[in-house]
Amino acid sequence: MTRAIWPRRRPARLCVGGLDLQGDGAHWVTLAGSALAADSVCCAEILTFPEGCVVQHQLVQPQVLGRWFKDWLNARDLHIDALYVAVSDAEVMRGTLRLPLDLQPDDVAFQMAAELQSPPATPAVCWDYCEDDTFSELPPDSEQPAQQRVYGWATTPQARVDAWKQFALAAGLRVSAVTPREEALALTQQSGLIAQLSAANAGLALQYDVALGLALGAWQSVRFNFLPHRVMKLQALRRRWGLRVAVGAFAGGLLAVGAAVWMSHMAASLRDETGDIAAAEQVLRQLRSAHQEAQTALADAQALGQWLHDQAWVQQHTLQWSRVLTTHSQGLWVSEVKQQEAHWRVTGEALSAVQAQRLAQQLKGLDIWAQAPELRHLELVAPASPTGMSVWHFRIEADLKVGV
């Protein structure tokens, strides 16, 4: 599904930086280029940070270091459009997860959240996932179940990502990606990304390979980005839509006023200059037609605004009930969440009837229902094998409020 009618224009020239921590310093590479490829190396060097800001490849004082880095960039007259940084591979956990082939992107994101979010008693993590193309073609004797897709996932401590956000805020920069070092290094192996760099520039930058790979992320997305990039893209899309709806409505109003003024002026001119009433009536009909078209355009813009309002309402509902489902992910597995117009249904399995009843009770507490959730089906199902466990199949149904 195409989400944008008017594509977002990227700057004619990009200047991006890749920063790779090394001991108590860092490797820094700045690349510039068009929207299609990098074509020059602006800077490639080793940075020595103030004492105590970085310890063992970790930011200890991100705000202090960010202010120092801002002064360093200003002294060299470097204007960076986006910053790309890495976390140590030792702090990254990876794995794969098989999900049904017909899941929508929102359903995939929900299942990943249920699997990867850390338990309450453990440190929070940031996570990302992508379709694992290494499993796209399997040999005939593979044990991969039919109608399933394999996703690769990676997690890292949230504290590392938060430190980079604080650093970027203090430096006045926009951080676009926080990725594993291994992913950045893989980009340097793609010869097409550095094809437009001169041999001297490429040789200089390759001395700092990870920092170079991070900067190349502006032209080739990495597989794992621990920032909430999907939510950020959706928010940016909504802002652009809202702005365009407002501009369209304003332009429609101006067009209608202009048409009315022009209609009056032309009618007066025709009466004064020619006195030809028939010609004046013809022009009047044409202007009325133009006025009707302007009103139609304005109505379309208002309809689009209402659609965006309804989408925001649905998103608000989805965030509330998905947060409850994620909270009860221990000992309870959701197999399907289905919404048809205002009717909402969730089915799954639980290790005990109490867990399913508790989930229904928690859902009732949300202020999003026209008809509160009810546990319509609860059945104990025997295991398929002697070593299995009995589980409770449940189904909860409710009706959502309609947006106003």
Protein backbone atom coordinates (compact mmCIF):
# COMPACT_ATOMS: atom_id res chain seq x y z
CA MET A 1 0.00 0.00 0.00
CA THR A 2 1.40 3.42 -1.02
CA ARG A 3 1.41 5.75 1.97
CA ALA A 4 2.53 9.00 0.31
CA ILE A 5 1.14 10.77 -2.74
CA TRP A 6 3.83 13.42 -2.81
CA PRO A 7 7.30 11.93 -2.12
CA ARG A 8 9.44 13.73 0.41
CA ARG A 9 12.21 15.74 -1.21
CA ARG A 10 15.66 14.96 0.12
CA PRO A 11 18.30 17.71 0.21
CA ALA A 12 20.25 18.20 -3.02
CA ARG A 13 23.45 17.49 -1.06
CA LEU A 14 23.88 15.39 2.08
CA CYS A 15 26.64 15.64 4.66
CA VAL A 16 26.56 12.82 7.23
CA GLY A 17 28.89 11.52 9.91
CA GLY A 18 29.74 8.09 11.30
CA LEU A 19 31.10 7.92 14.87
CA ASP A 20 32.69 4.67 16.17
CA LEU A 21 33.90 4.61 19.80
CA GLN A 22 37.43 3.29 20.33
CA GLY A 23 38.74 3.01 23.90
CA ASP A 24 38.61 6.58 25.27
CA GLY A 25 38.29 8.15 21.80
CA ALA A 26 36.59 7.49 18.50
CA HIS A 27 36.95 7.13 14.74
CA TRP A 28 35.10 9.84 12.81
CA VAL A 29 34.26 9.85 9.09
CA THR A 30 32.24 12.54 7.32
CA LEU A 31 30.84 11.82 3.84
CA ALA A 32 29.12 14.16 1.39
CA GLY A 33 27.18 13.31 -1.72
CA SER A 34 23.97 13.51 -3.67
CA ALA A 35 20.73 11.79 -2.68
CA LEU A 36 21.88 8.73 -4.65
CA ALA A 37 25.48 8.09 -3.54
CA ALA A 38 28.42 9.46 -1.53
CA ASP A 39 31.04 11.16 -3.72
CA SER A 40 33.54 12.75 -1.33
CA VAL A 41 35.18 12.32 2.09
CA CYS A 42 35.10 15.56 4.06
CA CYS A 43 36.84 14.25 7.15
CA ALA A 44 38.39 10.99 8.40
CA GLU A 45 40.38 11.05 11.62
CA ILE A 46 40.83 9.80 15.18
CA LEU A 47 39.18 11.87 17.92
CA THR A 48 40.55 12.11 21.44
CA PHE A 49 37.74 12.86 23.87
CA PRO A 50 37.96 14.68 27.21
CA GLU A 51 39.02 12.39 30.05
CA GLY A 52 36.21 10.40 31.67
CA CYS A 53 33.61 10.89 28.91
CA VAL A 54 34.17 7.45 27.32
CA VAL A 55 35.27 4.33 29.21
CA GLN A 56 35.71 0.93 27.52
CA HIS A 57 33.70 1.82 24.38
CA GLN A 58 30.80 3.24 26.44
CA LEU A 59 29.50 6.79 26.87
CA VAL A 60 29.81 7.76 30.53
CA GLN A 61 29.08 11.49 30.27
CA PRO A 62 27.07 11.84 27.05
CA GLN A 63 25.87 15.41 27.63
CA VAL A 64 29.34 16.73 28.44
CA LEU A 65 30.78 14.93 25.42
CA GLY A 66 27.94 16.20 23.20
CA ARG A 67 28.69 19.83 24.03
CA TRP A 68 32.40 19.24 23.42
CA PHE A 69 31.62 17.62 20.05
CA LYS A 70 29.37 20.54 19.05
CA ASP A 71 32.25 22.97 19.68
CA TRP A 72 34.60 20.67 17.74
CA LEU A 73 32.28 20.65 14.69
CA ASN A 74 31.80 24.43 14.79
CA ALA A 75 35.55 25.00 14.93
CA ARG A 76 35.94 23.00 11.69
CA ASP A 77 32.83 24.51 10.06
CA LEU A 78 31.25 21.07 9.62
CA HIS A 79 27.47 21.06 9.17
CA ILE A 80 26.13 17.54 9.66
CA ASP A 81 22.64 16.59 8.38
CA ALA A 82 22.53 13.23 10.20
CA LEU A 83 24.62 11.22 12.67
CA TYR A 84 25.07 7.42 12.56
CA VAL A 85 26.52 5.58 15.58
CA ALA A 86 27.13 2.00 16.69
CA VAL A 87 26.92 -0.20 19.77
CA SER A 88 29.43 -2.89 20.59
CA ASP A 89 28.66 -6.34 19.15
CA ALA A 90 29.34 -7.80 22.61
CA GLU A 91 26.20 -6.04 23.88
CA VAL A 92 23.98 -7.23 21.03
CA MET A 93 21.89 -10.40 21.24
CA ARG A 94 20.61 -11.95 17.99
CA GLY A 95 18.18 -14.67 17.02
CA THR A 96 15.44 -15.68 14.63
CA LEU A 97 11.68 -16.09 14.95
CA ARG A 98 9.25 -17.90 12.64
CA LEU A 99 5.84 -16.31 12.12
CA PRO A 100 2.90 -17.10 9.80
CA LEU A 101 3.42 -15.92 6.24
CA ASP A 102 0.16 -13.96 6.00
CA LEU A 103 0.72 -11.62 8.99
CA GLN A 104 0.38 -7.90 8.34
CA PRO A 105 3.31 -5.60 9.31
CA ASP A 106 1.45 -4.35 12.42
CA ASP A 107 0.81 -7.96 13.52
CA VAL A 108 4.50 -8.82 13.01
CA ALA A 109 5.52 -5.82 15.12
CA PHE A 110 3.12 -6.87 17.89
CA GLN A 111 4.42 -10.46 17.97
CA MET A 112 8.02 -9.19 18.04
CA ALA A 113 7.21 -6.88 20.94
CA ALA A 114 5.66 -9.76 22.87
CA GLU A 115 8.75 -11.93 22.29
CA LEU A 116 11.56 -9.39 22.71
CA GLN A 117 10.48 -6.96 25.43
CA SER A 118 12.42 -7.62 28.60
CA PRO A 119 10.64 -8.95 31.74
CA PRO A 120 9.86 -6.35 34.44
CA ALA A 121 12.72 -7.44 36.72
CA THR A 122 15.44 -7.13 34.03
CA PRO A 123 17.06 -4.08 32.38
CA ALA A 124 15.08 -2.63 29.46
CA VAL A 125 16.27 -3.35 25.93
CA CYS A 126 15.85 -1.78 22.51
CA TRP A 127 15.14 -4.14 19.65
CA ASP A 128 14.66 -4.33 15.92
CA TYR A 129 13.88 -7.02 13.37
CA CYS A 130 13.95 -7.68 9.65
CA GLU A 131 13.03 -10.45 7.29
CA ASP A 132 15.91 -12.94 7.31
CA ASP A 133 16.70 -13.53 3.62
CA THR A 134 19.14 -16.31 4.49
CA PHE A 135 16.06 -18.53 4.89
CA SER A 136 14.28 -17.33 1.75
CA GLU A 137 15.31 -20.39 -0.25
CA LEU A 138 15.43 -23.68 1.64
CA PRO A 139 16.46 -27.11 0.37
CA PRO A 140 13.64 -29.63 -0.25
CA ASP A 141 14.54 -31.68 2.83
CA SER A 142 14.45 -28.66 5.16
CA GLU A 143 12.35 -28.87 8.32
CA GLN A 144 11.09 -25.29 7.88
CA PRO A 145 7.27 -25.37 8.35
CA ALA A 146 5.18 -24.36 5.35
CA GLN A 147 3.44 -20.98 5.21
CA GLN A 148 5.94 -19.37 7.61
CA ARG A 149 8.48 -16.59 7.26
CA VAL A 150 11.73 -16.29 9.22
CA TYR A 151 12.60 -12.94 10.84
CA GLY A 152 15.97 -12.06 12.30
CA TRP A 153 16.01 -9.94 15.48
CA ALA A 154 18.58 -8.14 17.61
CA THR A 155 18.46 -6.46 21.03
CA THR A 156 20.78 -4.17 23.00
CA PRO A 157 20.50 -2.48 26.42
CA GLN A 158 18.27 0.60 26.26
CA ALA A 159 20.79 2.51 28.37
CA ARG A 160 23.26 2.49 25.45
CA VAL A 161 20.70 3.91 23.03
CA ASP A 162 19.52 6.54 25.55
CA ALA A 163 23.13 7.67 26.03
CA TRP A 164 23.51 8.26 22.29
CA LYS A 165 20.24 10.23 22.23
CA GLN A 166 21.51 12.47 25.05
CA PHE A 167 24.81 12.93 23.20
CA ALA A 168 23.06 13.93 19.95
CA LEU A 169 20.71 16.34 21.76
CA ALA A 170 23.61 18.08 23.47
CA ALA A 171 25.54 18.26 20.18
CA GLY A 172 22.57 19.67 18.29
CA LEU A 173 22.54 16.76 15.84
CA ARG A 174 19.87 14.39 14.51
CA VAL A 175 20.82 10.77 15.18
CA SER A 176 19.39 8.60 12.39
CA ALA A 177 20.59 5.12 13.35
CA VAL A 178 22.06 3.20 16.29
CA THR A 179 23.23 -0.11 14.85
CA PRO A 180 25.57 -3.02 15.69
CA ARG A 181 29.18 -2.48 14.56
CA GLU A 182 28.98 -5.68 12.51
CA GLU A 183 26.13 -4.25 10.40
CA ALA A 184 28.10 -1.06 9.70
CA LEU A 185 31.18 -3.07 8.74
CA ALA A 186 29.10 -5.08 6.26
CA LEU A 187 28.23 -1.91 4.31
CA THR A 188 31.91 -1.28 3.51
CA GLN A 189 31.95 -4.59 1.61
CA GLN A 190 29.38 -3.27 -0.88
CA SER A 191 31.56 -1.78 -3.60
CA GLY A 192 28.65 0.08 -5.19
CA LEU A 193 28.33 2.37 -2.14
CA ILE A 194 31.87 3.74 -2.51
CA ALA A 195 32.12 3.52 -6.29
CA GLN A 196 31.94 7.31 -6.74
CA LEU A 197 34.68 8.00 -4.16
CA SER A 198 38.15 8.61 -5.52
CA ALA A 199 40.77 5.96 -4.77
CA ALA A 200 42.57 8.32 -2.38
CA ASN A 201 39.38 9.21 -0.52
CA ALA A 202 38.26 5.58 -0.30
CA GLY A 203 41.67 4.46 0.97
CA LEU A 204 41.68 7.16 3.65
CA ALA A 205 38.17 6.37 4.85
CA LEU A 206 38.70 2.58 4.88
CA GLN A 207 41.32 3.04 7.60
CA TYR A 208 38.29 3.72 9.81
CA ASP A 209 36.07 1.01 8.34
CA VAL A 210 33.30 0.90 10.95
CA ALA A 211 32.89 4.70 10.99
CA LEU A 212 32.83 4.64 7.18
CA GLY A 213 30.14 1.94 7.19
CA LEU A 214 28.06 3.98 9.62
CA ALA A 215 28.20 7.06 7.38
CA LEU A 216 27.28 4.93 4.36
CA GLY A 217 24.05 4.11 6.21
CA ALA A 218 22.65 7.38 4.82
CA TRP A 219 22.56 5.75 1.38
CA GLN A 220 21.90 2.11 2.33
CA SER A 221 19.76 1.17 5.32
CA VAL A 222 21.23 -1.28 7.81
CA ARG A 223 19.26 -4.37 8.83
CA PHE A 224 18.97 -3.42 12.51
CA ASN A 225 18.37 0.11 13.83
CA PHE A 226 17.70 0.27 17.58
CA LEU A 227 15.90 3.63 17.29
CA PRO A 228 12.08 3.44 16.91
CA HIS A 229 12.48 4.20 13.21
CA ARG A 230 9.14 2.71 12.13
CA VAL A 231 7.21 4.92 14.58
CA MET A 232 9.33 7.94 13.57
CA LYS A 233 8.52 7.40 9.89
CA LEU A 234 4.80 7.10 10.67
CA GLN A 235 4.84 10.31 12.72
CA ALA A 236 6.68 12.16 9.95
CA LEU A 237 4.15 10.88 7.41
CA ARG A 238 1.26 12.14 9.54
CA ARG A 239 2.87 15.57 9.92
CA ARG A 240 3.33 15.84 6.16
CA TRP A 241 -0.27 14.75 5.53
CA GLY A 242 -1.61 17.25 8.04
CA LEU A 243 0.40 20.07 6.48
CA ARG A 244 -0.77 19.19 2.98
CA VAL A 245 -4.40 18.97 4.07
CA ALA A 246 -4.13 22.43 5.64
CA VAL A 247 -2.45 23.86 2.53
CA GLY A 248 -5.07 22.24 0.30
CA ALA A 249 -7.93 23.64 2.34
CA PHE A 250 -6.37 27.11 2.38
CA ALA A 251 -5.70 27.01 -1.36
CA GLY A 252 -9.27 25.86 -2.00
CA GLY A 253 -10.64 28.74 0.02
CA LEU A 254 -8.44 31.26 -1.81
CA LEU A 255 -9.48 29.79 -5.15
CA ALA A 256 -13.15 30.10 -4.25
CA VAL A 257 -12.75 33.74 -3.14
CA GLY A 258 -10.65 34.56 -6.18
CA ALA A 259 -13.20 32.97 -8.49
CA ALA A 260 -16.01 35.00 -6.91
CA VAL A 261 -14.06 38.26 -7.22
CA TRP A 262 -13.04 37.49 -10.79
CA MET A 263 -16.61 36.55 -11.63
CA SER A 264 -17.89 39.90 -10.35
CA HIS A 265 -15.14 41.84 -12.11
CA MET A 266 -15.64 40.09 -15.44
CA ALA A 267 -19.40 40.54 -15.29
CA ALA A 268 -18.99 44.27 -14.62
CA SER A 269 -16.42 44.62 -17.38
CA LEU A 270 -18.63 42.89 -19.91
CA ARG A 271 -21.56 45.11 -19.03
CA ASP A 272 -19.48 48.28 -19.24
CA GLU A 273 -17.50 47.50 -22.38
CA THR A 274 -19.83 45.53 -24.62
CA GLY A 275 -23.25 45.40 -23.06
CA ASP A 276 -23.48 41.90 -24.48
CA ILE A 277 -25.66 40.17 -21.92
CA ALA A 278 -25.45 36.78 -23.62
CA ALA A 279 -21.64 36.81 -23.51
CA ALA A 280 -21.71 37.87 -19.87
CA GLU A 281 -24.02 34.99 -19.01
CA GLN A 282 -21.67 32.53 -20.77
CA VAL A 283 -18.70 33.78 -18.77
CA LEU A 284 -20.78 33.64 -15.62
CA ARG A 285 -21.62 29.99 -16.25
CA GLN A 286 -17.94 29.19 -16.76
CA LEU A 287 -16.97 30.94 -13.56
CA ARG A 288 -19.68 29.13 -11.64
CA SER A 289 -18.30 25.86 -12.97
CA ALA A 290 -14.82 26.86 -11.78
CA HIS A 291 -16.28 27.79 -8.42
CA GLN A 292 -17.99 24.39 -8.18
CA GLU A 293 -14.68 22.65 -8.93
CA ALA A 294 -12.99 24.65 -6.19
CA GLN A 295 -15.71 23.63 -3.72
CA THR A 296 -15.25 19.98 -4.77
CA ALA A 297 -11.50 20.24 -4.14
CA LEU A 298 -12.18 21.76 -0.72
CA ALA A 299 -14.63 18.95 0.12
CA ASP A 300 -12.03 16.36 -0.89
CA ALA A 301 -9.46 18.01 1.38
CA GLN A 302 -11.93 18.00 4.28
CA ALA A 303 -12.73 14.32 3.65
CA LEU A 304 -9.02 13.55 3.73
CA GLY A 305 -8.70 15.39 7.03
CA GLN A 306 -11.56 13.32 8.49
CA TRP A 307 -9.83 10.13 7.31
CA LEU A 308 -6.61 11.15 9.03
CA HIS A 309 -8.61 11.88 12.21
CA ASP A 310 -10.17 8.41 12.09
CA GLN A 311 -6.77 6.80 11.56
CA ALA A 312 -5.37 8.62 14.59
CA TRP A 313 -8.39 7.37 16.63
CA VAL A 314 -7.76 3.76 15.56
CA GLN A 315 -4.04 4.11 16.34
CA GLN A 316 -4.86 5.37 19.85
CA HIS A 317 -7.12 2.36 20.47
CA THR A 318 -4.48 -0.04 19.10
CA LEU A 319 -1.75 1.36 21.37
CA GLN A 320 -3.94 0.90 24.48
CA TRP A 321 -5.08 -2.69 23.91
CA SER A 322 -1.70 -3.84 22.55
CA ARG A 323 -0.01 -2.50 25.71
CA VAL A 324 -2.37 -4.66 27.84
CA LEU A 325 -1.74 -7.75 25.68
CA THR A 326 2.03 -7.23 25.90
CA THR A 327 1.86 -6.88 29.70
CA HIS A 328 0.19 -10.33 29.96
CA SER A 329 2.60 -12.11 27.54
CA GLN A 330 4.01 -14.39 30.27
CA GLY A 331 2.17 -17.73 30.26
CA LEU A 332 -0.28 -16.51 27.64
CA TRP A 333 0.03 -16.64 23.82
CA VAL A 334 -2.09 -14.54 21.49
CA SER A 335 -2.70 -16.34 18.20
CA GLU A 336 -4.94 -13.79 16.49
CA VAL A 337 -6.15 -10.21 16.92
CA LYS A 338 -8.90 -9.27 14.44
CA GLN A 339 -10.82 -6.04 14.01
CA GLN A 340 -13.71 -5.71 11.56
CA GLU A 341 -15.12 -2.18 11.61
CA ALA A 342 -15.91 -1.62 15.31
CA HIS A 343 -15.99 -5.30 16.33
CA TRP A 344 -12.77 -6.50 17.99
CA ARG A 345 -11.72 -10.08 18.79
CA VAL A 346 -8.64 -11.72 20.30
CA THR A 347 -7.99 -15.46 20.50
CA GLY A 348 -5.14 -17.41 22.03
CA GLU A 349 -4.00 -19.94 24.60
CA ALA A 350 -3.21 -19.67 28.30
CA LEU A 351 -1.63 -21.98 30.85
CA SER A 352 -4.51 -21.32 33.23
CA ALA A 353 -8.10 -20.08 33.06
CA VAL A 354 -7.25 -17.38 35.59
CA GLN A 355 -4.77 -15.80 33.17
CA ALA A 356 -7.40 -15.54 30.43
CA GLN A 357 -9.96 -14.12 32.89
CA ARG A 358 -7.42 -11.63 34.21
CA LEU A 359 -6.63 -10.50 30.67
CA ALA A 360 -10.34 -9.91 29.97
CA GLN A 361 -10.69 -7.96 33.20
CA GLN A 362 -7.67 -5.75 32.36
CA LEU A 363 -9.06 -5.04 28.90
CA LYS A 364 -12.39 -3.96 30.44
CA GLY A 365 -10.55 -1.22 32.29
CA LEU A 366 -9.69 0.61 29.04
CA ASP A 367 -11.85 3.57 28.04
CA ILE A 368 -12.05 2.55 24.37
CA TRP A 369 -15.05 0.22 24.32
CA ALA A 370 -18.59 0.80 23.24
CA GLN A 371 -19.34 -2.73 24.53
CA ALA A 372 -16.90 -4.02 27.17
CA PRO A 373 -14.82 -7.14 26.41
CA GLU A 374 -16.41 -10.48 27.31
CA LEU A 375 -14.79 -13.88 27.57
CA ARG A 376 -16.99 -15.66 25.02
CA HIS A 377 -15.07 -18.92 24.89
CA LEU A 378 -12.87 -20.70 27.44
CA GLU A 379 -12.05 -24.39 26.94
CA LEU A 380 -9.41 -26.70 28.37
CA VAL A 381 -7.71 -28.63 25.55
CA ALA A 382 -5.75 -31.82 26.22
CA PRO A 383 -2.16 -32.02 24.89
CA ALA A 384 -1.51 -33.69 21.53
CA SER A 385 1.30 -35.80 23.00
CA PRO A 386 1.78 -37.52 26.39
CA THR A 387 4.62 -35.14 27.24
CA GLY A 388 2.66 -31.97 26.44
CA MET A 389 0.66 -29.71 28.73
CA SER A 390 -3.02 -28.93 28.76
CA VAL A 391 -3.81 -25.37 27.72
CA TRP A 392 -6.91 -23.19 27.84
CA HIS A 393 -8.22 -21.90 24.53
CA PHE A 394 -9.92 -18.55 24.92
CA ARG A 395 -11.71 -15.93 22.82
CA ILE A 396 -12.49 -12.39 23.96
CA GLU A 397 -14.84 -10.13 21.96
CA ALA A 398 -15.77 -6.45 22.29
CA ASP A 399 -16.98 -3.44 20.31
CA LEU A 400 -14.75 -0.36 19.99
CA LYS A 401 -15.96 3.20 20.23
CA VAL A 402 -16.33 4.97 16.91
CA GLY A 403 -14.20 8.08 16.48
CA VAL A 404 -15.89 11.46 16.65
